Amino acid sequence: MTLILCLNSIENESLYRIVMTKIFKKKSDFKITYKDAGVDIDKGNKLVSEITNITESTSIAGSIGKLGGFGGLFDLKKSGFKDPILVSSTDGVGTKLRLAIKTKSYFNIGIDLVAMCANDVVAQGAKPLFFMDYYSTGKLNSEVAIEVIRGIAEGCKQSGCALIGGETAEMPGHYKNKDFDLAGFCVGAVERSKLLDKNLVKKGDCVIGLSSSGIHSNGYSLVRKILDTNAINIFESSDFDNRNTLAKILMEPTLLYTKALIEANKNGEVKSISHITGGGLIENPPRAFGKNLTLKFNMKDYKLPSIFCWLKEKANISMFELAKTFNCGIGLLIFTDKKNVKPIINNLNRIGYNAFLIGSMVDNETNKSVIFDDWKF
């Protein structure tokens, strides 16, 4: 009886069957392979072969080598830098992944993964050069994995970097079979003389906002709590947009801002940048300027996008709490001298971004790093 109970506690069904069929045979006849334990090495190798064309499509100057080595290779000299500073970032997509699995938005979540890392590199004034991903799951589903990697490749193309490698791990017992997790790692470079410096931001400088493509990849634990608490069906049309389901709106991938940096800073006119991620418009902007300054947002003419109005209503939270959790429709902030505002905005809008003047820098007289004018809290 004791033996049977122990065997019944084994989570892997294939292992359980093997043990039961071998129980009365000789000990020398008993064996358990890695595949029996839930890890299929051959299937993983086949996946690498299938995604080779996808990764090669992201190749840029400096990309060398192929998948399958112990590390990804990149030739910094070939990328054209003379005196480079390397900038790296690692991140995930948070619990937006739970909705991605529910909605099967695997391609979009791949873009999200790249954006969360590459946009942080951009915030230092650097151009993303290469990206690596980590994909872990309970049981490898090649179709899902390939779709995620296709999204990652698309994100790399949008950010101008190469997908040079990654890791796929089967971890039975740690994840449920259909569950998977993602992590990304991005490296970029900037010429030493062009590295952004928050200490260059001064009183009187202006702040340009760039629209987000939606919620991006932060605050989804609250989003999911709202959905559960209100028993909302995300596959139906939303309350505020009858043309799209809520699922489509929530799974809109994060916007990439590499082209915005290149366009805005081609003459060295950008002083600092803030990527609006977790912590929203409250916590992120102060990372881009000195403690002696305050960012004064002018919200008089700013219209809060419908998705954020909806979130505020459903969660019954204050504007301050909303702004501390979400980007509120502003994905990136660019700090520059007043004289550069008009040409930068015009150039960014010309290449497809929605850029606008959103604030200015003033002395910190209230011990607050961020204040909002004409926005009710």
Foldseek 3Di string as FASTA:
>chain_A
DVVVVVLVPDPQPLLSVLCVVCVPPDPVPRDADPVSVADDVVVVVVLQVVCQVLQVVLDDQQFDDGEDDPDFGGHPVRVPADAKDKDKFKDFQPCVLVLCLVVVVLLQRLLLQLQVTQVVCVQQVWQWAEKEKEKEAQHDDSVSVSSNSSSVSVNSNLSSYGHGYYYYYHDHPVHDHSDMTMMMMIMTIDHPVLGADQAVFDAQWFKKFWFKLAQARFQVVLVVVLCVVVVDDQCAQDPVGNVDGNSCRSSRHTDHCNVLSCQLCVVPFFRGKWFAHQQAPAPTPVVRHDQQKAKEWECQPPDQDPVLVVSCVSVVDFPNVSRGTTNSGTGMMTIGHPVSPVVSCVRCVVVPIHMDTTTGMHGPPPSGRYDYDPDGD
